[in-house]
N, C-alpha and C. Protein backbone atom coordinates (compact mmCIF):
# COMPACT_ATOMS: atom_id res chain seq x y z
N MET A 1 7.87 -0.68 9.05
CA MET A 1 8.54 -2.09 10.14
C MET A 1 9.96 -2.46 10.58
N GLN A 2 10.17 -3.42 10.89
CA GLN A 2 11.32 -3.70 12.16
C GLN A 2 12.19 -4.46 10.88
N THR A 3 13.68 -3.74 11.09
CA THR A 3 14.55 -3.92 10.09
C THR A 3 16.09 -4.29 10.50
N GLY A 4 15.55 -5.22 11.53
CA GLY A 4 17.21 -5.99 12.15
C GLY A 4 17.74 -4.17 13.89
N ASP A 5 18.74 -3.36 13.07
CA ASP A 5 18.22 -2.08 14.31
C ASP A 5 17.73 -1.15 14.62
N SER A 6 16.34 -1.15 13.50
CA SER A 6 15.88 -0.31 13.41
C SER A 6 14.55 -0.39 12.76
N ILE A 7 13.77 0.52 13.10
CA ILE A 7 12.31 1.03 12.36
C ILE A 7 12.43 1.93 11.61
N PHE A 8 11.68 1.06 10.21
CA PHE A 8 12.01 2.10 9.16
C PHE A 8 10.27 2.74 9.29
N ILE A 9 10.20 4.29 9.03
CA ILE A 9 8.59 4.44 8.88
C ILE A 9 9.09 5.45 7.39
N SER A 10 7.98 4.80 6.57
CA SER A 10 7.43 5.44 5.83
C SER A 10 6.54 6.76 5.18
N TRP A 11 6.08 7.14 4.38
CA TRP A 11 4.55 7.60 4.23
C TRP A 11 4.72 8.70 2.71
N ARG A 12 3.94 8.70 2.62
CA ARG A 12 3.33 9.40 0.94
C ARG A 12 3.34 10.82 0.81
N LEU A 13 3.86 11.39 -0.25
CA LEU A 13 3.50 12.43 -0.81
C LEU A 13 2.66 12.78 -1.32
N LEU A 14 1.94 13.67 -1.33
CA LEU A 14 0.80 13.65 -2.34
C LEU A 14 0.80 14.79 -3.56
N GLY A 15 0.41 14.19 -4.06
CA GLY A 15 0.33 15.54 -5.34
C GLY A 15 0.12 16.45 -5.50
N ASN A 16 -0.95 16.69 -4.31
CA ASN A 16 -1.31 18.22 -3.79
C ASN A 16 -1.05 18.99 -2.41
N ASP A 17 -0.38 18.09 -1.97
CA ASP A 17 1.45 18.60 -1.24
C ASP A 17 2.46 19.92 -1.79
N PRO A 18 1.96 20.88 -0.75
CA PRO A 18 2.64 22.24 -0.96
C PRO A 18 4.71 21.17 -1.62
N GLU A 19 4.83 22.55 -2.49
CA GLU A 19 6.59 21.82 -3.21
C GLU A 19 7.58 22.06 -1.83
N ASN A 20 7.16 23.28 -0.30
CA ASN A 20 8.35 23.53 0.36
C ASN A 20 7.77 22.28 2.00
N ILE A 21 7.08 21.59 1.92
CA ILE A 21 6.41 20.72 2.69
C ILE A 21 7.53 20.24 3.94
N GLY A 22 7.63 19.85 4.93
CA GLY A 22 8.53 19.23 5.51
C GLY A 22 7.58 18.00 6.03
N PHE A 23 8.29 17.32 7.22
CA PHE A 23 8.05 16.18 7.85
C PHE A 23 9.01 16.20 9.02
N ASN A 24 7.52 16.44 10.40
CA ASN A 24 8.29 15.50 12.28
C ASN A 24 7.46 14.23 12.16
N VAL A 25 9.01 13.12 12.35
CA VAL A 25 8.08 12.08 12.61
C VAL A 25 8.48 11.88 14.30
N TYR A 26 7.02 11.28 14.65
CA TYR A 26 6.87 11.40 16.58
C TYR A 26 6.78 9.48 17.00
N CYS A 27 7.21 9.26 17.97
CA CYS A 27 6.86 7.80 18.62
C CYS A 27 6.46 8.06 19.83
N ILE A 28 4.98 7.46 19.90
CA ILE A 28 4.19 7.11 21.13
C ILE A 28 4.81 5.67 22.11
N THR A 29 5.29 6.32 22.97
CA THR A 29 5.84 5.39 23.60
C THR A 29 4.66 5.04 24.77
N THR A 30 4.87 3.40 25.20
CA THR A 30 3.58 2.56 25.94
C THR A 30 3.09 2.90 26.80
N GLU A 31 3.58 3.81 27.20
CA GLU A 31 3.13 5.27 28.55
C GLU A 31 2.61 5.93 27.85
N GLY A 32 2.39 6.51 26.72
CA GLY A 32 1.45 7.42 25.70
C GLY A 32 2.04 8.92 25.74
N LYS A 33 3.27 8.91 25.43
CA LYS A 33 4.28 10.18 25.48
C LYS A 33 4.51 9.76 23.99
N ALA A 34 4.15 11.00 23.70
CA ALA A 34 4.63 11.46 22.07
C ALA A 34 5.69 12.04 22.10
N ASN A 35 6.93 11.04 21.62
CA ASN A 35 8.59 12.26 21.42
C ASN A 35 8.72 12.17 20.11
N ARG A 36 9.08 13.44 19.61
CA ARG A 36 9.38 13.89 17.86
C ARG A 36 11.35 12.78 18.13
N LEU A 37 10.81 12.40 16.99
CA LEU A 37 12.64 11.83 16.91
C LEU A 37 13.42 12.41 15.59
N ASN A 38 13.07 13.16 14.82
CA ASN A 38 14.33 14.44 14.03
C ASN A 38 14.41 15.33 15.13
N LYS A 39 15.67 15.67 14.62
CA LYS A 39 16.49 17.32 14.96
C LYS A 39 15.86 17.86 14.32
N THR A 40 16.18 17.64 12.62
CA THR A 40 15.46 19.21 12.19
C THR A 40 14.30 18.35 11.09
N ILE A 41 13.67 19.03 10.30
CA ILE A 41 12.87 18.87 9.36
C ILE A 41 13.16 18.10 8.36
N ILE A 42 12.24 17.20 8.30
CA ILE A 42 13.12 16.22 7.17
C ILE A 42 12.10 16.64 6.06
N ASN A 43 13.08 16.30 4.89
CA ASN A 43 12.24 16.68 3.24
C ASN A 43 12.30 15.83 2.60
N ASN A 44 12.59 14.48 2.93
CA ASN A 44 12.05 13.16 2.07
C ASN A 44 10.63 12.46 2.78
N THR A 45 10.80 11.10 2.30
CA THR A 45 9.71 10.43 3.01
C THR A 45 9.58 9.68 3.65
N ASN A 46 10.94 8.81 4.28
CA ASN A 46 10.99 7.92 4.90
C ASN A 46 12.40 8.18 5.91
N PHE A 47 11.96 7.93 7.07
CA PHE A 47 13.01 7.57 8.22
C PHE A 47 13.30 6.50 9.39
N LYS A 48 14.26 6.27 9.70
CA LYS A 48 14.99 5.32 10.26
C LYS A 48 14.83 5.17 11.85
N ASP A 49 14.42 4.67 12.87
CA ASP A 49 14.41 4.93 14.87
C ASP A 49 15.26 4.06 14.34
N LYS A 50 16.30 4.48 15.46
CA LYS A 50 17.39 3.09 15.98
C LYS A 50 16.81 2.86 16.98
N ILE A 51 17.00 1.17 17.02
CA ILE A 51 15.99 0.82 18.19
C ILE A 51 17.22 0.40 19.38
N GLN A 52 17.09 1.58 20.36
CA GLN A 52 17.65 1.09 21.80
C GLN A 52 16.42 -0.02 22.81
N GLY A 53 16.45 -1.34 23.05
CA GLY A 53 15.75 -1.77 23.72
C GLY A 53 14.48 -2.41 23.03
N THR A 54 13.47 -2.79 23.61
CA THR A 54 12.53 -2.86 22.89
C THR A 54 11.65 -1.65 21.95
N LYS A 55 10.81 -1.51 21.28
CA LYS A 55 9.64 -0.87 20.86
C LYS A 55 7.89 -1.91 20.50
N THR A 56 8.40 -2.57 21.35
CA THR A 56 7.17 -3.19 21.68
C THR A 56 5.91 -2.20 21.74
N GLY A 57 5.00 -2.18 20.97
CA GLY A 57 3.41 -1.69 21.70
C GLY A 57 3.71 0.14 21.31
N HIS A 58 5.14 0.74 20.86
CA HIS A 58 5.31 2.23 20.13
C HIS A 58 3.81 2.25 19.09
N LYS A 59 4.26 3.29 18.68
CA LYS A 59 2.99 4.02 17.40
C LYS A 59 4.08 4.52 17.08
N TYR A 60 3.63 4.87 15.20
CA TYR A 60 4.69 6.36 14.89
C TYR A 60 3.63 7.07 14.01
N PHE A 61 3.27 8.41 14.35
CA PHE A 61 2.87 9.04 13.14
C PHE A 61 3.95 10.44 12.84
N ILE A 62 3.19 11.36 12.08
CA ILE A 62 3.63 12.46 11.33
C ILE A 62 3.28 13.74 11.23
N LYS A 63 4.29 14.44 11.10
CA LYS A 63 3.29 15.80 11.40
C LYS A 63 3.78 16.79 10.16
N THR A 64 3.32 17.07 9.37
CA THR A 64 3.71 17.66 8.31
C THR A 64 3.86 19.27 8.64
N VAL A 65 5.12 19.82 8.10
CA VAL A 65 5.84 21.29 8.77
C VAL A 65 5.33 21.81 7.38
N ILE A 66 4.68 23.16 7.25
CA ILE A 66 4.99 24.14 6.29
C ILE A 66 4.99 25.45 6.61
N LYS A 67 6.50 26.26 6.37
CA LYS A 67 6.62 27.61 6.60
C LYS A 67 6.95 27.34 8.17
N LYS A 68 7.92 26.34 8.50
CA LYS A 68 8.22 26.34 9.71
C LYS A 68 7.01 26.10 11.13
N LYS A 69 5.68 25.54 10.41
CA LYS A 69 5.10 25.66 11.29
C LYS A 69 4.63 23.77 11.06
N GLU A 70 4.28 23.19 12.35
CA GLU A 70 3.30 22.56 12.10
C GLU A 70 1.72 22.30 11.88
N LYS A 71 1.66 20.79 11.28
CA LYS A 71 0.09 21.27 10.37
C LYS A 71 -0.67 20.33 11.05
N ASN A 72 -0.53 19.60 9.53
CA ASN A 72 -1.61 18.23 10.18
C ASN A 72 -0.97 17.18 10.68
N SER A 73 -1.66 16.14 11.50
CA SER A 73 -0.96 14.79 11.80
C SER A 73 -1.34 13.89 11.08
N SER A 74 -0.78 12.24 10.77
CA SER A 74 -1.33 10.76 10.40
C SER A 74 -1.81 10.34 11.77
N THR A 75 -2.66 9.53 11.38
CA THR A 75 -3.32 8.52 12.29
C THR A 75 -2.07 7.82 12.34
N PRO A 76 -1.63 7.89 14.22
CA PRO A 76 -0.89 6.35 14.78
C PRO A 76 -0.73 5.40 14.26
N VAL A 77 0.56 4.43 13.43
CA VAL A 77 0.25 2.62 13.44
C VAL A 77 1.52 2.36 13.84
N GLU A 78 1.00 1.25 13.99
CA GLU A 78 2.05 0.12 14.96
C GLU A 78 3.20 -0.09 14.06
N ALA A 79 4.50 -0.21 14.26
CA ALA A 79 5.73 -1.17 13.49
C ALA A 79 4.97 -2.24 13.05
N TRP A 80 5.08 -3.20 12.17
CA TRP A 80 4.65 -4.22 11.58
C TRP A 80 6.14 -5.17 11.51
N ASN A 81 6.07 -6.11 12.36
CA ASN A 81 7.05 -6.94 12.97
C ASN A 81 7.68 -8.00 11.68
N LYS A 82 7.04 -8.10 10.69
CA LYS A 82 7.41 -8.60 9.88
C LYS A 82 7.69 -7.77 8.32
N GLN A 83 8.92 -8.17 7.20
CA GLN A 83 8.51 -6.88 6.16
C GLN A 83 7.99 -7.03 5.06
N TYR A 84 6.96 -7.46 5.58
CA TYR A 84 5.61 -7.54 4.64
C TYR A 84 4.27 -7.66 4.88
N LEU A 85 3.58 -7.38 4.71
CA LEU A 85 1.87 -7.55 5.11
C LEU A 85 1.15 -8.53 4.94
N GLU A 86 0.92 -9.01 5.21
CA GLU A 86 -0.50 -10.53 5.20
C GLU A 86 -1.51 -10.35 4.95
N LEU A 87 -2.13 -10.16 3.96
CA LEU A 87 -3.49 -10.26 3.41
C LEU A 87 -4.42 -11.38 3.44
N PRO A 88 -5.66 -11.65 4.01
CA PRO A 88 -6.36 -12.85 3.54
C PRO A 88 -7.13 -12.39 2.69
N VAL A 89 -7.00 -13.20 1.02
CA VAL A 89 -7.80 -13.30 0.06
C VAL A 89 -9.17 -14.09 -0.15
N GLN A 90 -9.97 -13.79 -1.07
CA GLN A 90 -10.94 -14.40 -1.40
C GLN A 90 -10.65 -14.67 -2.93
N THR A 91 -9.86 -15.58 -2.99
CA THR A 91 -9.56 -16.43 -3.94
C THR A 91 -10.35 -17.36 -4.66
N PRO A 92 -11.11 -17.01 -5.55
CA PRO A 92 -12.03 -18.02 -6.59
C PRO A 92 -11.70 -19.28 -6.77
N GLU A 93 -12.12 -20.12 -7.19
CA GLU A 93 -11.79 -21.54 -7.05
C GLU A 93 -11.05 -21.92 -8.49
N ASN A 94 -10.60 -22.59 -8.96
CA ASN A 94 -9.41 -22.69 -9.35
C ASN A 94 -8.87 -21.41 -9.93
N TYR A 95 -8.64 -20.65 -9.31
CA TYR A 95 -7.66 -19.27 -9.63
C TYR A 95 -6.46 -19.28 -8.73
N ARG A 96 -5.75 -18.71 -8.46
CA ARG A 96 -4.35 -18.78 -7.60
C ARG A 96 -3.76 -17.05 -7.42
N PRO A 97 -3.54 -15.94 -6.20
CA PRO A 97 -3.43 -14.57 -6.52
C PRO A 97 -2.37 -14.64 -7.75
N GLY A 98 -1.71 -13.84 -8.35
CA GLY A 98 -0.89 -12.96 -8.89
C GLY A 98 -0.04 -12.02 -9.06
N ASP A 99 -0.12 -11.37 -9.79
CA ASP A 99 0.87 -9.96 -10.09
C ASP A 99 0.00 -9.67 -9.14
N ALA A 100 0.37 -8.12 -8.13
CA ALA A 100 -0.56 -7.00 -7.29
C ALA A 100 0.28 -5.93 -7.55
N SER A 101 -0.47 -4.57 -7.03
CA SER A 101 0.17 -3.73 -7.19
C SER A 101 -0.87 -3.02 -5.97
N VAL A 102 0.11 -2.34 -5.93
CA VAL A 102 -0.85 -0.80 -4.57
C VAL A 102 -1.57 0.62 -5.32
N ALA A 103 -2.37 1.39 -5.03
CA ALA A 103 -3.17 2.59 -5.40
C ALA A 103 -4.01 3.10 -4.79
N ASP A 104 -4.36 4.58 -4.86
CA ASP A 104 -5.09 5.04 -4.01
C ASP A 104 -6.04 4.74 -4.95
N LEU A 105 -7.66 3.78 -4.93
CA LEU A 105 -8.34 3.67 -5.84
C LEU A 105 -9.37 4.67 -5.17
N ASP A 106 -9.46 4.83 -4.23
CA ASP A 106 -10.60 6.03 -3.85
C ASP A 106 -10.65 7.17 -3.31
N GLY A 107 -9.18 7.69 -3.71
CA GLY A 107 -9.08 8.78 -3.62
C GLY A 107 -8.94 9.43 -2.30
N ASP A 108 -8.64 8.65 -0.90
CA ASP A 108 -8.49 8.91 0.65
C ASP A 108 -7.60 9.18 0.98
N GLY A 109 -6.07 8.64 0.10
CA GLY A 109 -4.53 9.70 0.53
C GLY A 109 -4.23 7.83 0.80
N GLN A 110 -5.01 6.65 1.38
CA GLN A 110 -4.38 5.62 1.54
C GLN A 110 -4.76 4.53 0.70
N TYR A 111 -3.23 4.13 0.47
CA TYR A 111 -3.67 3.08 -0.72
C TYR A 111 -4.66 1.48 -0.30
N GLU A 112 -4.72 0.91 -1.51
CA GLU A 112 -5.29 0.07 -1.75
C GLU A 112 -4.64 -1.02 -2.78
N ILE A 113 -4.72 -2.21 -2.14
CA ILE A 113 -4.53 -3.16 -2.98
C ILE A 113 -4.93 -4.14 -4.47
N VAL A 114 -4.94 -3.91 -5.47
CA VAL A 114 -5.31 -4.83 -6.48
C VAL A 114 -4.60 -6.19 -6.55
N ILE A 115 -5.18 -6.95 -6.79
CA ILE A 115 -4.72 -8.55 -7.24
C ILE A 115 -5.59 -9.19 -8.15
N HIS A 116 -4.43 -9.40 -9.36
CA HIS A 116 -4.20 -10.46 -10.42
C HIS A 116 -4.50 -11.75 -10.13
N MET A 117 -5.82 -12.30 -10.26
CA MET A 117 -6.27 -13.58 -9.74
C MET A 117 -5.76 -14.21 -10.51
N THR A 118 -5.12 -15.13 -11.08
CA THR A 118 -4.95 -16.02 -12.13
C THR A 118 -5.27 -17.42 -12.50
N GLY A 119 -5.94 -17.52 -13.70
CA GLY A 119 -6.63 -18.96 -13.40
C GLY A 119 -5.51 -19.76 -14.43
N ARG A 120 -5.73 -20.35 -15.52
CA ARG A 120 -5.51 -20.98 -16.43
C ARG A 120 -5.45 -20.08 -17.68
N GLY A 121 -3.99 -19.83 -17.85
CA GLY A 121 -3.23 -18.27 -19.08
C GLY A 121 -2.26 -19.46 -19.84
N ARG A 122 -2.13 -19.30 -21.15
CA ARG A 122 -1.95 -19.69 -21.87
C ARG A 122 -0.89 -18.72 -23.22
N ASP A 123 0.45 -19.05 -23.58
CA ASP A 123 0.71 -18.16 -24.66
C ASP A 123 0.41 -18.05 -25.87
N ASN A 124 0.20 -17.17 -26.61
CA ASN A 124 -0.26 -17.12 -27.76
C ASN A 124 0.11 -17.92 -28.88
N GLY A 125 1.65 -18.69 -28.47
CA GLY A 125 1.32 -20.38 -29.28
C GLY A 125 1.05 -20.95 -28.91
N GLN A 126 -0.38 -20.91 -27.98
CA GLN A 126 -0.32 -22.18 -27.34
C GLN A 126 -1.98 -22.19 -27.98
N GLY A 127 -2.46 -23.16 -28.30
CA GLY A 127 -3.87 -23.34 -28.66
C GLY A 127 -4.81 -23.19 -27.65
N GLY A 128 -6.51 -23.45 -27.37
CA GLY A 128 -6.86 -23.05 -26.71
C GLY A 128 -7.19 -22.32 -25.38
N GLN A 129 -8.84 -22.41 -24.53
CA GLN A 129 -9.17 -21.21 -24.47
C GLN A 129 -8.45 -21.25 -23.23
N THR A 130 -8.73 -19.81 -22.15
CA THR A 130 -7.76 -19.69 -20.99
C THR A 130 -9.09 -19.02 -20.14
N SER A 131 -8.97 -18.83 -19.08
CA SER A 131 -9.66 -18.17 -17.87
C SER A 131 -10.53 -16.98 -18.34
N GLU A 132 -11.02 -16.58 -17.75
CA GLU A 132 -11.26 -15.17 -17.26
C GLU A 132 -10.96 -14.31 -16.67
N PRO A 133 -9.82 -13.44 -16.81
CA PRO A 133 -9.13 -12.75 -16.06
C PRO A 133 -10.04 -11.81 -14.87
N VAL A 134 -9.39 -12.10 -13.54
CA VAL A 134 -10.38 -11.31 -12.50
C VAL A 134 -9.19 -10.68 -11.98
N LEU A 135 -9.66 -9.74 -11.45
CA LEU A 135 -9.03 -8.81 -10.66
C LEU A 135 -9.88 -7.78 -9.35
N GLN A 136 -8.89 -8.21 -7.93
CA GLN A 136 -9.66 -8.06 -6.99
C GLN A 136 -9.14 -6.28 -6.03
N ALA A 137 -10.18 -6.10 -5.66
CA ALA A 137 -9.13 -4.45 -4.76
C ALA A 137 -9.14 -5.23 -3.49
N TYR A 138 -8.45 -4.69 -2.50
CA TYR A 138 -8.08 -4.83 -1.68
C TYR A 138 -8.23 -3.30 -0.34
N GLU A 139 -9.02 -3.23 0.86
CA GLU A 139 -8.01 -2.07 1.72
C GLU A 139 -7.08 -3.18 2.55
N LEU A 140 -6.11 -2.48 3.00
CA LEU A 140 -4.78 -3.05 3.69
C LEU A 140 -5.09 -3.52 5.12
N ASP A 141 -6.59 -3.93 4.98
CA ASP A 141 -7.49 -4.55 6.02
C ASP A 141 -7.61 -6.17 5.94
N GLY A 142 -7.42 -6.01 4.51
CA GLY A 142 -8.12 -7.04 4.39
C GLY A 142 -9.72 -7.20 3.59
N THR A 143 -10.16 -6.21 3.68
CA THR A 143 -11.37 -5.98 3.33
C THR A 143 -11.52 -6.02 1.64
N LEU A 144 -12.77 -6.31 1.02
CA LEU A 144 -12.67 -6.69 -0.26
C LEU A 144 -13.58 -5.73 -0.85
N LEU A 145 -12.77 -4.61 -1.42
CA LEU A 145 -13.58 -3.73 -2.15
C LEU A 145 -14.69 -4.14 -3.33
N TRP A 146 -13.80 -5.25 -4.12
CA TRP A 146 -14.82 -5.24 -6.09
C TRP A 146 -14.12 -5.96 -6.07
N GLU A 147 -14.75 -6.90 -7.31
CA GLU A 147 -13.91 -7.84 -7.83
C GLU A 147 -14.00 -7.97 -9.46
N ILE A 148 -13.71 -7.53 -10.21
CA ILE A 148 -14.20 -7.65 -12.22
C ILE A 148 -14.01 -8.92 -12.51
N ASN A 149 -14.40 -9.70 -13.00
CA ASN A 149 -14.12 -10.36 -13.96
C ASN A 149 -14.11 -9.17 -15.56
N LEU A 150 -13.01 -10.03 -16.45
CA LEU A 150 -12.71 -9.14 -17.41
C LEU A 150 -13.18 -9.79 -18.64
N GLY A 151 -13.84 -10.64 -18.06
CA GLY A 151 -14.75 -11.56 -19.56
C GLY A 151 -14.03 -12.60 -20.30
N LYS A 152 -14.62 -13.48 -21.48
CA LYS A 152 -14.46 -14.14 -22.09
C LYS A 152 -13.06 -13.06 -23.40
N ASN A 153 -13.35 -12.70 -23.99
CA ASN A 153 -12.97 -11.50 -25.23
C ASN A 153 -11.20 -11.29 -24.56
N ILE A 154 -11.00 -11.25 -23.10
CA ILE A 154 -9.34 -10.62 -22.70
C ILE A 154 -9.07 -12.24 -22.96
N ARG A 155 -7.42 -12.16 -23.23
CA ARG A 155 -6.49 -13.07 -23.30
C ARG A 155 -6.05 -13.30 -21.75
N GLU A 156 -6.19 -14.59 -21.00
CA GLU A 156 -5.27 -14.75 -19.69
C GLU A 156 -4.26 -15.08 -19.85
N GLY A 157 -3.51 -14.60 -19.09
CA GLY A 157 -1.77 -14.59 -19.20
C GLY A 157 -1.28 -13.63 -18.82
N ALA A 158 -0.04 -13.82 -18.32
CA ALA A 158 0.97 -12.72 -17.77
C ALA A 158 1.13 -11.54 -18.39
N HIS A 159 1.68 -12.08 -19.82
CA HIS A 159 1.84 -11.57 -20.60
C HIS A 159 0.64 -10.84 -21.26
N TYR A 160 -0.66 -10.41 -21.20
CA TYR A 160 -1.51 -10.46 -21.43
C TYR A 160 -2.23 -9.17 -20.72
N THR A 161 -2.38 -9.56 -19.52
CA THR A 161 -3.42 -8.63 -18.69
C THR A 161 -2.50 -7.95 -17.99
N ASN A 162 -2.33 -6.49 -18.39
CA ASN A 162 -1.37 -5.58 -17.95
C ASN A 162 -2.20 -4.72 -17.05
N LEU A 163 -1.39 -5.14 -16.03
CA LEU A 163 -2.65 -5.21 -14.43
C LEU A 163 -2.44 -3.50 -14.17
N TRP A 164 -1.40 -2.96 -14.90
CA TRP A 164 -1.59 -1.15 -14.20
C TRP A 164 -2.92 -0.55 -15.48
N PHE A 165 -2.60 -0.96 -16.31
CA PHE A 165 -3.33 -0.46 -17.54
C PHE A 165 -4.97 -0.69 -17.04
N THR A 166 -5.46 -1.94 -16.76
CA THR A 166 -6.35 -2.65 -16.07
C THR A 166 -7.07 -2.19 -14.60
N ILE A 167 -5.73 -1.20 -13.94
CA ILE A 167 -6.13 -0.16 -12.20
C ILE A 167 -6.86 1.05 -13.11
N LEU A 168 -6.37 1.13 -13.75
CA LEU A 168 -6.68 2.65 -14.67
C LEU A 168 -8.12 2.84 -15.06
N MET A 169 -8.27 1.40 -16.04
CA MET A 169 -9.19 1.93 -16.17
C MET A 169 -10.65 1.28 -15.67
N VAL A 170 -9.98 0.29 -14.34
CA VAL A 170 -11.54 0.67 -13.36
C VAL A 170 -11.86 1.05 -12.43
N THR A 171 -10.37 1.96 -12.06
CA THR A 171 -10.65 3.04 -11.30
C THR A 171 -11.98 4.50 -12.00
N ALA A 172 -11.54 4.85 -13.48
CA ALA A 172 -11.80 5.73 -14.06
C ALA A 172 -13.86 5.95 -14.43
N LEU A 173 -13.45 3.80 -14.05
CA LEU A 173 -14.88 4.21 -14.17
C LEU A 173 -15.84 3.82 -13.37
N LEU A 174 -15.11 3.26 -12.07
CA LEU A 174 -15.86 3.62 -10.62
C LEU A 174 -16.32 5.00 -9.93
N LYS A 175 -15.55 5.76 -10.77
CA LYS A 175 -15.90 7.23 -10.11
C LYS A 175 -16.80 7.48 -10.88
């Protein structure tokens, strides 16, 4: 993403990556030429490309480095011009998007987003019924993967619908 005078690039370190893994960062110009940006192998998972002129249309990709040899290459991506991702969601009637979190739900190495769609929630000190908690999972392009209604026996509210626990349970059930 663009951050004033630089493009901030970040990527994941997977659990099955070797301990001695390193990375090289490349920028593909609008002319199609790929240039390595780092002088030495990077041992963390982020990099800043200082902007000199415009970077519109440039794409970035990462190559893993193991034992000083480049291996796998990531898919090139264009930098976001905003510091957030806009995601079209399919909000159920009488609900609104609430807490969200990212996870690799399907094991493909790419993040998906889980959103807790909140309805009418109430604290325990308040009487009355609540809405049924609803969770939705999306790909980063806005594709709805699934929607799960947790049912009437789960009290709706920020203090009651533990998003991470629910994500873990749903992911385990879907496998």
